[in-house]
Amino acid sequence: MDEPNLMANCDYRQISCSHHDRVEAAVVTGKICELNHRTADGGERMSRVRLTDVLTRNGEEFVLTAAGDEIRLDKVISLDGFDFGQ
């Protein structure tokens, strides 16, 4: 049986526990958040979104939005004005 490729994207950097806690709190409360994150083309995007879940796939963590977007947690720049320092 093949093992999953946990290093599929070796440029992924885990976020700090306190940042992860903020994301999870936003998911639990279901409130609309102001989320700023890096896009695939290297730009930035600011959105007002409801975060619905956090998931891990291939060793990377993502937050899901109510609109169906998946945002890799190490691409988050800020959440509700709190700087993630990425």
N, C-alpha and C. Protein backbone atom coordinates (compact mmCIF):
# COMPACT_ATOMS: atom_id res chain seq x y z
N MET A 1 0.85 -1.18 0.00
CA MET A 1 0.00 0.00 0.00
C MET A 1 0.89 1.24 0.00
N ASP A 2 0.59 2.18 -0.88
CA ASP A 2 1.37 3.41 -0.98
C ASP A 2 1.04 4.36 0.16
N GLU A 3 2.06 5.03 0.68
CA GLU A 3 1.85 6.05 1.70
C GLU A 3 1.47 7.36 1.03
N PRO A 4 0.61 8.18 1.68
CA PRO A 4 0.28 9.47 1.10
C PRO A 4 1.50 10.36 1.01
N ASN A 5 1.55 11.17 0.00
CA ASN A 5 2.68 12.09 -0.20
C ASN A 5 2.48 13.32 0.68
N LEU A 6 3.02 13.29 1.88
CA LEU A 6 2.83 14.40 2.81
C LEU A 6 3.68 15.60 2.45
N MET A 7 4.63 15.44 1.57
CA MET A 7 5.46 16.56 1.16
C MET A 7 5.12 17.01 -0.26
N ALA A 8 3.85 16.84 -0.65
CA ALA A 8 3.44 17.16 -2.01
C ALA A 8 3.77 18.60 -2.37
N ASN A 9 3.65 19.49 -1.42
CA ASN A 9 3.96 20.89 -1.67
C ASN A 9 4.91 21.35 -0.57
N CYS A 10 6.19 21.18 -0.80
CA CYS A 10 7.17 21.40 0.26
C CYS A 10 7.39 22.88 0.58
N ASP A 11 6.71 23.80 -0.14
CA ASP A 11 6.85 25.22 0.20
C ASP A 11 5.81 25.64 1.25
N TYR A 12 4.95 24.70 1.68
CA TYR A 12 3.95 25.03 2.70
C TYR A 12 4.63 25.26 4.04
N ARG A 13 4.21 26.35 4.73
CA ARG A 13 4.73 26.66 6.07
C ARG A 13 3.57 26.66 7.05
N GLN A 14 3.67 25.88 8.09
CA GLN A 14 2.62 25.85 9.10
C GLN A 14 2.49 27.22 9.74
N ILE A 15 1.26 27.58 10.07
CA ILE A 15 1.03 28.84 10.77
C ILE A 15 1.11 28.58 12.27
N SER A 16 1.26 29.64 13.04
CA SER A 16 1.38 29.49 14.49
C SER A 16 0.06 29.01 15.09
N CYS A 17 0.15 28.43 16.26
CA CYS A 17 -1.05 27.94 16.95
C CYS A 17 -2.03 29.08 17.23
N SER A 18 -1.53 30.25 17.58
CA SER A 18 -2.43 31.37 17.89
C SER A 18 -3.17 31.82 16.63
N HIS A 19 -2.51 31.78 15.47
CA HIS A 19 -3.19 32.14 14.22
C HIS A 19 -4.23 31.07 13.87
N HIS A 20 -3.86 29.83 14.07
CA HIS A 20 -4.78 28.73 13.80
C HIS A 20 -6.01 28.85 14.70
N ASP A 21 -5.80 29.20 15.96
CA ASP A 21 -6.90 29.38 16.91
C ASP A 21 -7.85 30.49 16.43
N ARG A 22 -7.32 31.57 15.88
CA ARG A 22 -8.15 32.66 15.37
C ARG A 22 -9.02 32.20 14.21
N VAL A 23 -8.43 31.41 13.33
CA VAL A 23 -9.18 30.89 12.18
C VAL A 23 -10.29 29.96 12.69
N GLU A 24 -9.96 29.06 13.59
CA GLU A 24 -10.96 28.14 14.11
C GLU A 24 -12.07 28.87 14.86
N ALA A 25 -11.74 29.92 15.60
CA ALA A 25 -12.76 30.71 16.30
C ALA A 25 -13.70 31.37 15.31
N ALA A 26 -13.16 31.86 14.19
CA ALA A 26 -14.01 32.48 13.16
C ALA A 26 -14.94 31.44 12.55
N VAL A 27 -14.46 30.22 12.37
CA VAL A 27 -15.31 29.15 11.84
C VAL A 27 -16.44 28.84 12.82
N VAL A 28 -16.10 28.69 14.09
CA VAL A 28 -17.08 28.32 15.11
C VAL A 28 -18.16 29.40 15.28
N THR A 29 -17.75 30.67 15.28
CA THR A 29 -18.72 31.74 15.49
C THR A 29 -19.58 31.99 14.25
N GLY A 30 -19.05 31.65 13.08
CA GLY A 30 -19.83 31.83 11.86
C GLY A 30 -20.01 33.27 11.43
N LYS A 31 -19.26 34.18 12.02
CA LYS A 31 -19.40 35.59 11.65
C LYS A 31 -18.68 35.89 10.34
N ILE A 32 -19.10 36.95 9.71
CA ILE A 32 -18.44 37.39 8.49
C ILE A 32 -17.13 38.08 8.88
N CYS A 33 -16.04 37.67 8.23
CA CYS A 33 -14.71 38.16 8.56
C CYS A 33 -14.12 38.93 7.38
N GLU A 34 -13.16 39.76 7.70
CA GLU A 34 -12.36 40.41 6.67
C GLU A 34 -11.07 39.62 6.55
N LEU A 35 -10.89 38.97 5.39
CA LEU A 35 -9.76 38.09 5.18
C LEU A 35 -8.90 38.63 4.04
N ASN A 36 -7.63 38.83 4.33
CA ASN A 36 -6.66 39.27 3.32
C ASN A 36 -5.69 38.12 3.11
N HIS A 37 -5.50 37.72 1.83
CA HIS A 37 -4.60 36.61 1.56
C HIS A 37 -3.89 36.78 0.23
N ARG A 38 -2.80 36.05 0.07
CA ARG A 38 -2.04 36.06 -1.18
C ARG A 38 -2.75 35.16 -2.18
N THR A 39 -2.80 35.62 -3.43
CA THR A 39 -3.41 34.85 -4.50
C THR A 39 -2.35 34.01 -5.22
N ALA A 40 -2.78 33.11 -6.07
CA ALA A 40 -1.86 32.23 -6.80
C ALA A 40 -0.89 33.00 -7.67
N ASP A 41 -1.30 34.18 -8.15
CA ASP A 41 -0.42 34.98 -9.01
C ASP A 41 0.47 35.93 -8.22
N GLY A 42 0.47 35.81 -6.88
CA GLY A 42 1.35 36.62 -6.03
C GLY A 42 0.74 37.92 -5.56
N GLY A 43 -0.47 38.21 -6.00
CA GLY A 43 -1.16 39.42 -5.56
C GLY A 43 -1.81 39.23 -4.20
N GLU A 44 -2.57 40.23 -3.80
CA GLU A 44 -3.32 40.16 -2.55
C GLU A 44 -4.80 40.33 -2.83
N ARG A 45 -5.61 39.68 -2.01
CA ARG A 45 -7.06 39.81 -2.16
C ARG A 45 -7.67 40.00 -0.78
N MET A 46 -8.50 41.04 -0.66
CA MET A 46 -9.23 41.29 0.58
C MET A 46 -10.69 40.92 0.32
N SER A 47 -11.25 40.09 1.20
CA SER A 47 -12.63 39.63 1.03
C SER A 47 -13.35 39.69 2.37
N ARG A 48 -14.65 39.91 2.28
CA ARG A 48 -15.52 39.76 3.45
C ARG A 48 -16.20 38.41 3.27
N VAL A 49 -15.85 37.46 4.11
CA VAL A 49 -16.30 36.08 3.93
C VAL A 49 -16.71 35.45 5.26
N ARG A 50 -17.50 34.40 5.14
CA ARG A 50 -17.82 33.56 6.29
C ARG A 50 -16.95 32.30 6.14
N LEU A 51 -16.17 32.01 7.16
CA LEU A 51 -15.33 30.81 7.14
C LEU A 51 -16.14 29.64 7.68
N THR A 52 -16.11 28.52 6.97
CA THR A 52 -16.98 27.39 7.33
C THR A 52 -16.26 26.16 7.86
N ASP A 53 -14.97 26.00 7.53
CA ASP A 53 -14.28 24.80 7.98
C ASP A 53 -12.77 24.97 7.79
N VAL A 54 -12.01 24.15 8.49
CA VAL A 54 -10.56 24.06 8.32
C VAL A 54 -10.28 22.60 7.99
N LEU A 55 -9.46 22.37 6.97
CA LEU A 55 -9.13 20.99 6.61
C LEU A 55 -7.66 20.85 6.28
N THR A 56 -7.18 19.62 6.38
CA THR A 56 -5.80 19.31 6.06
C THR A 56 -5.80 18.31 4.92
N ARG A 57 -4.98 18.60 3.92
CA ARG A 57 -4.86 17.70 2.77
C ARG A 57 -3.40 17.70 2.33
N ASN A 58 -2.80 16.52 2.23
CA ASN A 58 -1.41 16.37 1.80
C ASN A 58 -0.45 17.22 2.63
N GLY A 59 -0.71 17.31 3.93
CA GLY A 59 0.17 18.04 4.82
C GLY A 59 -0.01 19.55 4.79
N GLU A 60 -1.00 20.04 4.05
CA GLU A 60 -1.29 21.48 3.97
C GLU A 60 -2.64 21.76 4.62
N GLU A 61 -2.76 22.91 5.28
CA GLU A 61 -4.02 23.29 5.91
C GLU A 61 -4.70 24.37 5.10
N PHE A 62 -6.02 24.25 5.00
CA PHE A 62 -6.84 25.19 4.25
C PHE A 62 -8.03 25.64 5.09
N VAL A 63 -8.52 26.84 4.81
CA VAL A 63 -9.78 27.29 5.36
C VAL A 63 -10.76 27.34 4.20
N LEU A 64 -11.98 26.91 4.46
CA LEU A 64 -13.04 26.94 3.47
C LEU A 64 -13.97 28.11 3.75
N THR A 65 -14.45 28.74 2.69
CA THR A 65 -15.39 29.85 2.85
C THR A 65 -16.78 29.39 2.44
N ALA A 66 -17.79 30.13 2.86
CA ALA A 66 -19.17 29.82 2.49
C ALA A 66 -19.37 29.87 0.99
N ALA A 67 -18.55 30.63 0.28
CA ALA A 67 -18.64 30.73 -1.18
C ALA A 67 -17.99 29.54 -1.87
N GLY A 68 -17.35 28.65 -1.11
CA GLY A 68 -16.73 27.46 -1.67
C GLY A 68 -15.26 27.60 -1.99
N ASP A 69 -14.65 28.72 -1.61
CA ASP A 69 -13.21 28.90 -1.84
C ASP A 69 -12.41 28.14 -0.80
N GLU A 70 -11.24 27.64 -1.21
CA GLU A 70 -10.27 27.04 -0.30
C GLU A 70 -9.04 27.93 -0.31
N ILE A 71 -8.63 28.38 0.87
CA ILE A 71 -7.47 29.27 0.98
C ILE A 71 -6.46 28.58 1.88
N ARG A 72 -5.26 28.39 1.35
CA ARG A 72 -4.20 27.77 2.15
C ARG A 72 -3.83 28.69 3.29
N LEU A 73 -3.75 28.15 4.50
CA LEU A 73 -3.56 28.98 5.69
C LEU A 73 -2.26 29.77 5.68
N ASP A 74 -1.22 29.25 5.05
CA ASP A 74 0.02 30.03 5.04
C ASP A 74 -0.02 31.17 4.03
N LYS A 75 -1.12 31.31 3.31
CA LYS A 75 -1.30 32.43 2.38
C LYS A 75 -2.12 33.56 3.01
N VAL A 76 -2.65 33.32 4.21
CA VAL A 76 -3.42 34.35 4.91
C VAL A 76 -2.47 35.44 5.41
N ILE A 77 -2.80 36.68 5.07
CA ILE A 77 -2.01 37.83 5.51
C ILE A 77 -2.60 38.41 6.79
N SER A 78 -3.93 38.52 6.83
CA SER A 78 -4.59 39.02 8.03
C SER A 78 -6.02 38.52 8.09
N LEU A 79 -6.55 38.46 9.30
CA LEU A 79 -7.93 38.07 9.55
C LEU A 79 -8.51 39.09 10.51
N ASP A 80 -9.52 39.80 10.07
CA ASP A 80 -10.15 40.86 10.88
C ASP A 80 -9.12 41.85 11.43
N GLY A 81 -8.14 42.18 10.60
CA GLY A 81 -7.13 43.17 10.97
C GLY A 81 -5.97 42.63 11.77
N PHE A 82 -6.06 41.36 12.19
CA PHE A 82 -4.96 40.75 12.94
C PHE A 82 -3.94 40.23 11.95
N ASP A 83 -2.71 40.76 11.99
CA ASP A 83 -1.65 40.43 11.05
C ASP A 83 -1.09 39.03 11.33
N PHE A 84 -1.09 38.20 10.31
CA PHE A 84 -0.54 36.85 10.43
C PHE A 84 0.95 36.82 10.15
N GLY A 85 1.54 37.92 9.71
CA GLY A 85 2.98 38.02 9.53
C GLY A 85 3.53 37.05 8.50
N GLN A 86 2.79 36.79 7.45
CA GLN A 86 3.25 35.86 6.40
C GLN A 86 3.91 36.62 5.28
